[in-house]
Amino acid sequence: MAKYHGNIGFRSVSEYPADSGIWKETIVKKDYSGDVLDDTRRVVMTTDSVNPDLNITVRISIVANKYAMENFHSIRYAEYLGAKWNVISAQPSFHRIILNLGGLYNGEDENESSGTSENSDS
């Protein structure tokens, strides 16, 4: 079984500036380790695209801390093989969360908050 180590992106919504009524979505990156359970690559050919879309079917089991268990519903992406991949489902299990990855994550990089990366110990 292959090992996993990488960033997981959690969606966070906050009012910015405070009491403005303007809500902003940011991504909070956290570092996690675990195991790669399944790893399959798939190329999807569509008639309206010149280049095929690359999808993966990967299941990753991460060792979850309190933050991950309380916010598993907000997981948006997982970094894997040098790219960010959409998390299409997250299944909490005792001290672990099983993530199913799909296509490439197309989230905006400017939505990522610098300085919000934290160690998985928090």
N, C-alpha and C. Protein backbone atom coordinates (compact mmCIF):
# COMPACT_ATOMS: atom_id res chain seq x y z
N MET A 1 0.85 -1.17 0.00
CA MET A 1 0.00 0.00 0.00
C MET A 1 0.90 1.24 0.00
N ALA A 2 0.66 2.15 -0.91
CA ALA A 2 1.45 3.38 -1.00
C ALA A 2 1.06 4.35 0.11
N LYS A 3 2.00 5.17 0.50
CA LYS A 3 1.75 6.18 1.53
C LYS A 3 1.37 7.50 0.88
N TYR A 4 0.60 8.30 1.59
CA TYR A 4 0.18 9.62 1.13
C TYR A 4 0.68 10.67 2.11
N HIS A 5 1.14 11.80 1.55
CA HIS A 5 1.46 12.97 2.36
C HIS A 5 1.24 14.19 1.49
N GLY A 6 0.38 15.10 1.91
CA GLY A 6 0.13 16.29 1.11
C GLY A 6 -0.89 17.22 1.76
N ASN A 7 -1.17 18.30 1.05
CA ASN A 7 -2.12 19.30 1.54
C ASN A 7 -3.55 18.92 1.17
N ILE A 8 -4.44 19.21 2.10
CA ILE A 8 -5.87 19.06 1.89
C ILE A 8 -6.46 20.47 2.01
N GLY A 9 -7.30 20.86 1.05
CA GLY A 9 -7.90 22.20 1.06
C GLY A 9 -9.31 22.17 1.62
N PHE A 10 -9.55 22.96 2.65
CA PHE A 10 -10.85 23.08 3.29
C PHE A 10 -11.46 24.43 2.94
N ARG A 11 -12.73 24.46 2.58
CA ARG A 11 -13.44 25.70 2.28
C ARG A 11 -13.83 26.38 3.58
N SER A 12 -13.57 27.68 3.64
CA SER A 12 -13.95 28.47 4.81
C SER A 12 -14.61 29.75 4.32
N VAL A 13 -15.72 30.13 4.93
CA VAL A 13 -16.43 31.36 4.57
C VAL A 13 -16.43 32.28 5.78
N SER A 14 -16.00 33.53 5.55
CA SER A 14 -15.97 34.49 6.65
C SER A 14 -16.37 35.87 6.15
N GLU A 15 -16.83 36.70 7.07
CA GLU A 15 -17.24 38.05 6.74
C GLU A 15 -16.00 38.94 6.73
N TYR A 16 -15.75 39.61 5.59
CA TYR A 16 -14.56 40.44 5.46
C TYR A 16 -14.88 41.71 4.71
N PRO A 17 -14.58 42.86 5.24
CA PRO A 17 -14.16 43.12 6.62
C PRO A 17 -15.30 42.84 7.61
N ALA A 18 -14.96 42.79 8.86
CA ALA A 18 -15.93 42.43 9.89
C ALA A 18 -17.14 43.37 9.86
N ASP A 19 -18.32 42.83 10.03
CA ASP A 19 -19.59 43.56 10.07
C ASP A 19 -19.90 44.31 8.76
N SER A 20 -19.33 43.86 7.64
CA SER A 20 -19.56 44.54 6.36
C SER A 20 -20.71 43.93 5.58
N GLY A 21 -21.09 42.70 5.92
CA GLY A 21 -22.11 42.00 5.17
C GLY A 21 -21.56 41.36 3.90
N ILE A 22 -20.25 41.45 3.71
CA ILE A 22 -19.59 40.84 2.55
C ILE A 22 -18.91 39.56 3.01
N TRP A 23 -19.30 38.46 2.40
CA TRP A 23 -18.76 37.16 2.79
C TRP A 23 -17.78 36.68 1.74
N LYS A 24 -16.66 36.17 2.18
CA LYS A 24 -15.59 35.75 1.27
C LYS A 24 -15.23 34.29 1.54
N GLU A 25 -15.11 33.55 0.45
CA GLU A 25 -14.70 32.15 0.56
C GLU A 25 -13.18 32.08 0.43
N THR A 26 -12.56 31.36 1.33
CA THR A 26 -11.12 31.12 1.26
C THR A 26 -10.87 29.62 1.41
N ILE A 27 -9.68 29.22 1.07
CA ILE A 27 -9.27 27.83 1.23
C ILE A 27 -8.20 27.77 2.30
N VAL A 28 -8.44 26.94 3.29
CA VAL A 28 -7.47 26.72 4.35
C VAL A 28 -6.76 25.40 4.04
N LYS A 29 -5.44 25.46 3.86
CA LYS A 29 -4.66 24.27 3.55
C LYS A 29 -4.09 23.67 4.82
N LYS A 30 -4.21 22.37 4.93
CA LYS A 30 -3.66 21.64 6.08
C LYS A 30 -2.91 20.43 5.56
N ASP A 31 -1.88 20.07 6.24
CA ASP A 31 -1.00 18.98 5.84
C ASP A 31 -1.42 17.67 6.54
N TYR A 32 -1.59 16.60 5.74
CA TYR A 32 -2.01 15.31 6.30
C TYR A 32 -1.22 14.17 5.69
N SER A 33 -1.20 13.07 6.40
CA SER A 33 -0.56 11.84 5.95
C SER A 33 -1.57 10.71 6.00
N GLY A 34 -1.29 9.67 5.24
CA GLY A 34 -2.19 8.52 5.25
C GLY A 34 -1.74 7.47 4.25
N ASP A 35 -2.70 6.77 3.68
CA ASP A 35 -2.44 5.68 2.75
C ASP A 35 -3.24 5.86 1.47
N VAL A 36 -2.65 5.48 0.33
CA VAL A 36 -3.37 5.46 -0.94
C VAL A 36 -3.97 4.06 -1.05
N LEU A 37 -5.30 3.98 -1.08
CA LEU A 37 -5.98 2.69 -1.10
C LEU A 37 -6.15 2.16 -2.53
N ASP A 38 -6.56 3.01 -3.45
CA ASP A 38 -6.76 2.65 -4.85
C ASP A 38 -6.22 3.79 -5.70
N ASP A 39 -5.70 3.47 -6.89
CA ASP A 39 -5.16 4.49 -7.79
C ASP A 39 -5.39 4.06 -9.23
N THR A 40 -6.32 4.75 -9.92
CA THR A 40 -6.64 4.43 -11.30
C THR A 40 -6.67 5.71 -12.10
N ARG A 41 -6.08 5.71 -13.28
CA ARG A 41 -6.08 6.86 -14.18
C ARG A 41 -7.08 6.59 -15.29
N ARG A 42 -7.77 7.66 -15.72
CA ARG A 42 -8.79 7.51 -16.75
C ARG A 42 -8.77 8.74 -17.65
N VAL A 43 -8.77 8.52 -18.97
CA VAL A 43 -8.84 9.61 -19.93
C VAL A 43 -10.25 9.65 -20.51
N VAL A 44 -10.87 10.84 -20.45
CA VAL A 44 -12.25 10.99 -20.91
C VAL A 44 -12.23 11.80 -22.21
N MET A 45 -12.70 11.20 -23.28
CA MET A 45 -12.78 11.88 -24.58
C MET A 45 -14.20 12.43 -24.75
N THR A 46 -14.28 13.72 -25.08
CA THR A 46 -15.57 14.32 -25.36
C THR A 46 -15.53 14.94 -26.75
N THR A 47 -16.66 15.07 -27.38
CA THR A 47 -16.71 15.59 -28.75
C THR A 47 -16.52 17.10 -28.81
N ASP A 48 -16.77 17.82 -27.72
CA ASP A 48 -16.65 19.27 -27.73
C ASP A 48 -15.28 19.75 -27.23
N SER A 49 -14.32 18.87 -27.10
CA SER A 49 -13.00 19.22 -26.60
C SER A 49 -11.92 18.65 -27.51
N VAL A 50 -10.90 19.46 -27.77
CA VAL A 50 -9.78 19.00 -28.59
C VAL A 50 -8.91 18.03 -27.80
N ASN A 51 -8.66 18.39 -26.56
CA ASN A 51 -7.82 17.55 -25.70
C ASN A 51 -8.69 16.75 -24.74
N PRO A 52 -8.30 15.53 -24.47
CA PRO A 52 -9.09 14.73 -23.53
C PRO A 52 -8.91 15.24 -22.10
N ASP A 53 -9.93 15.01 -21.28
CA ASP A 53 -9.85 15.35 -19.86
C ASP A 53 -9.23 14.18 -19.12
N LEU A 54 -8.36 14.51 -18.17
CA LEU A 54 -7.74 13.48 -17.35
C LEU A 54 -8.48 13.40 -16.03
N ASN A 55 -8.94 12.24 -15.70
CA ASN A 55 -9.58 11.99 -14.41
C ASN A 55 -8.84 10.86 -13.72
N ILE A 56 -8.88 10.90 -12.42
CA ILE A 56 -8.31 9.80 -11.66
C ILE A 56 -9.39 9.28 -10.72
N THR A 57 -9.27 8.05 -10.38
CA THR A 57 -10.13 7.47 -9.36
C THR A 57 -9.18 6.97 -8.28
N VAL A 58 -9.04 7.78 -7.28
CA VAL A 58 -8.10 7.49 -6.20
C VAL A 58 -8.84 7.57 -4.88
N ARG A 59 -8.57 6.61 -4.03
CA ARG A 59 -9.09 6.64 -2.66
C ARG A 59 -7.90 6.79 -1.73
N ILE A 60 -7.99 7.81 -0.89
CA ILE A 60 -6.92 8.08 0.08
C ILE A 60 -7.53 8.06 1.47
N SER A 61 -6.87 7.38 2.37
CA SER A 61 -7.28 7.34 3.77
C SER A 61 -6.29 8.18 4.56
N ILE A 62 -6.76 9.35 5.07
CA ILE A 62 -5.87 10.21 5.85
C ILE A 62 -6.10 10.00 7.34
N VAL A 63 -5.04 10.18 8.10
CA VAL A 63 -5.15 10.16 9.56
C VAL A 63 -5.73 11.51 9.95
N ALA A 64 -6.91 11.51 10.53
CA ALA A 64 -7.64 12.75 10.79
C ALA A 64 -7.44 13.24 12.22
N ASN A 65 -7.28 14.54 12.33
CA ASN A 65 -7.24 15.17 13.65
C ASN A 65 -8.63 15.77 13.93
N LYS A 66 -8.76 16.50 15.02
CA LYS A 66 -10.04 17.07 15.40
C LYS A 66 -10.56 18.03 14.33
N TYR A 67 -9.68 18.88 13.77
CA TYR A 67 -10.11 19.84 12.74
C TYR A 67 -10.69 19.11 11.53
N ALA A 68 -10.01 18.08 11.06
CA ALA A 68 -10.48 17.34 9.89
C ALA A 68 -11.82 16.66 10.16
N MET A 69 -11.97 16.07 11.33
CA MET A 69 -13.23 15.38 11.65
C MET A 69 -14.39 16.37 11.74
N GLU A 70 -14.15 17.56 12.28
CA GLU A 70 -15.21 18.56 12.42
C GLU A 70 -15.52 19.27 11.10
N ASN A 71 -14.58 19.24 10.14
CA ASN A 71 -14.75 19.99 8.89
C ASN A 71 -14.64 19.11 7.65
N PHE A 72 -14.86 17.81 7.78
CA PHE A 72 -14.72 16.92 6.62
C PHE A 72 -15.67 17.30 5.50
N HIS A 73 -16.81 17.88 5.84
CA HIS A 73 -17.80 18.29 4.84
C HIS A 73 -17.32 19.48 4.00
N SER A 74 -16.26 20.17 4.44
CA SER A 74 -15.74 21.34 3.74
C SER A 74 -14.51 21.04 2.89
N ILE A 75 -14.10 19.78 2.81
CA ILE A 75 -12.91 19.44 2.04
C ILE A 75 -13.21 19.63 0.56
N ARG A 76 -12.37 20.40 -0.12
CA ARG A 76 -12.57 20.69 -1.54
C ARG A 76 -11.56 19.98 -2.44
N TYR A 77 -10.30 19.88 -2.00
CA TYR A 77 -9.30 19.24 -2.84
C TYR A 77 -8.23 18.55 -2.00
N ALA A 78 -7.50 17.68 -2.68
CA ALA A 78 -6.32 17.03 -2.08
C ALA A 78 -5.20 17.13 -3.11
N GLU A 79 -4.02 17.48 -2.65
CA GLU A 79 -2.86 17.50 -3.54
C GLU A 79 -2.34 16.08 -3.65
N TYR A 80 -2.15 15.64 -4.91
CA TYR A 80 -1.70 14.27 -5.17
C TYR A 80 -0.94 14.27 -6.48
N LEU A 81 0.23 13.70 -6.51
CA LEU A 81 1.07 13.62 -7.70
C LEU A 81 1.33 14.99 -8.31
N GLY A 82 1.53 15.99 -7.47
CA GLY A 82 1.89 17.32 -7.92
C GLY A 82 0.74 18.17 -8.44
N ALA A 83 -0.50 17.74 -8.27
CA ALA A 83 -1.66 18.50 -8.73
C ALA A 83 -2.73 18.49 -7.65
N LYS A 84 -3.68 19.42 -7.79
CA LYS A 84 -4.82 19.48 -6.89
C LYS A 84 -5.98 18.76 -7.57
N TRP A 85 -6.60 17.81 -6.83
CA TRP A 85 -7.69 17.00 -7.37
C TRP A 85 -8.95 17.23 -6.54
N ASN A 86 -10.10 17.31 -7.21
CA ASN A 86 -11.38 17.45 -6.51
C ASN A 86 -11.63 16.27 -5.59
N VAL A 87 -12.11 16.57 -4.41
CA VAL A 87 -12.58 15.52 -3.50
C VAL A 87 -14.07 15.37 -3.77
N ILE A 88 -14.44 14.23 -4.34
CA ILE A 88 -15.85 14.04 -4.71
C ILE A 88 -16.66 13.42 -3.57
N SER A 89 -15.97 12.80 -2.61
CA SER A 89 -16.66 12.36 -1.40
C SER A 89 -15.65 12.18 -0.28
N ALA A 90 -16.12 12.37 0.94
CA ALA A 90 -15.29 12.21 2.13
C ALA A 90 -16.10 11.41 3.15
N GLN A 91 -15.55 10.29 3.56
CA GLN A 91 -16.25 9.40 4.48
C GLN A 91 -15.47 9.31 5.80
N PRO A 92 -16.00 9.91 6.86
CA PRO A 92 -15.30 9.81 8.14
C PRO A 92 -15.39 8.40 8.70
N SER A 93 -14.30 7.96 9.25
CA SER A 93 -14.21 6.67 9.90
C SER A 93 -13.40 6.91 11.16
N PHE A 94 -13.34 5.97 12.04
CA PHE A 94 -12.68 6.16 13.33
C PHE A 94 -11.22 6.60 13.13
N HIS A 95 -10.93 7.85 13.47
CA HIS A 95 -9.60 8.48 13.36
C HIS A 95 -9.07 8.60 11.94
N ARG A 96 -9.89 8.37 10.95
CA ARG A 96 -9.49 8.49 9.55
C ARG A 96 -10.63 9.07 8.75
N ILE A 97 -10.27 9.64 7.59
CA ILE A 97 -11.26 10.08 6.62
C ILE A 97 -10.84 9.49 5.28
N ILE A 98 -11.76 8.82 4.61
CA ILE A 98 -11.47 8.25 3.30
C ILE A 98 -11.95 9.24 2.25
N LEU A 99 -11.02 9.71 1.43
CA LEU A 99 -11.30 10.69 0.38
C LEU A 99 -11.33 10.00 -0.97
N ASN A 100 -12.35 10.29 -1.77
CA ASN A 100 -12.42 9.82 -3.15
C ASN A 100 -12.12 11.01 -4.04
N LEU A 101 -11.08 10.91 -4.85
CA LEU A 101 -10.67 12.00 -5.73
C LEU A 101 -11.19 11.77 -7.12
N GLY A 102 -11.44 12.88 -7.83
CA GLY A 102 -11.94 12.81 -9.20
C GLY A 102 -11.07 13.63 -10.13
N GLY A 103 -11.67 14.57 -10.85
CA GLY A 103 -10.95 15.39 -11.83
C GLY A 103 -10.11 16.46 -11.17
N LEU A 104 -9.38 17.19 -12.01
CA LEU A 104 -8.53 18.27 -11.53
C LEU A 104 -9.36 19.36 -10.87
N TYR A 105 -8.85 19.91 -9.79
CA TYR A 105 -9.49 21.00 -9.07
C TYR A 105 -9.22 22.30 -9.82
N ASN A 106 -10.26 23.04 -10.13
CA ASN A 106 -10.12 24.29 -10.88
C ASN A 106 -10.41 25.50 -10.03
N GLY A 107 -10.19 25.40 -8.75
CA GLY A 107 -10.44 26.54 -7.86
C GLY A 107 -9.47 27.67 -8.13
N GLU A 108 -9.88 28.85 -7.78
CA GLU A 108 -9.07 30.03 -7.99
C GLU A 108 -7.93 30.07 -6.98
N ASP A 109 -6.72 30.29 -7.47
CA ASP A 109 -5.57 30.37 -6.57
C ASP A 109 -5.62 31.61 -5.68
N GLU A 110 -6.20 32.72 -6.17
CA GLU A 110 -6.24 33.93 -5.36
C GLU A 110 -7.17 33.79 -4.16
N ASN A 111 -8.04 32.75 -4.16
CA ASN A 111 -8.90 32.52 -2.99
C ASN A 111 -8.15 31.84 -1.86
N GLU A 112 -6.96 31.34 -2.16
CA GLU A 112 -6.21 30.67 -1.12
C GLU A 112 -5.59 31.71 -0.21
N SER A 113 -5.74 31.52 1.06
CA SER A 113 -5.20 32.46 2.04
C SER A 113 -3.77 32.11 2.32
N SER A 114 -2.89 33.06 2.12
CA SER A 114 -1.50 32.82 2.49
C SER A 114 -1.40 32.90 4.00
N GLY A 115 -0.58 32.04 4.55
CA GLY A 115 -0.40 32.02 5.98
C GLY A 115 -1.45 31.20 6.71
N THR A 116 -2.36 30.53 6.00
CA THR A 116 -3.35 29.73 6.69
C THR A 116 -2.96 28.27 6.76
N SER A 117 -1.83 27.93 6.14
CA SER A 117 -1.37 26.56 6.23
C SER A 117 -0.97 26.26 7.66
N GLU A 118 -1.44 25.16 8.14
CA GLU A 118 -1.13 24.78 9.51
C GLU A 118 -0.75 23.32 9.54
N ASN A 119 -0.01 22.97 10.53
CA ASN A 119 0.36 21.58 10.73
C ASN A 119 -0.86 20.79 11.13
N SER A 120 -0.89 19.52 10.79
CA SER A 120 -2.05 18.70 11.11
C SER A 120 -2.20 18.43 12.60
N ASP A 121 -1.26 18.93 13.41
CA ASP A 121 -1.36 18.73 14.85
C ASP A 121 -2.42 19.62 15.48
N SER A 122 -2.90 20.64 14.75
CA SER A 122 -3.86 21.57 15.36
C SER A 122 -5.27 21.02 15.34
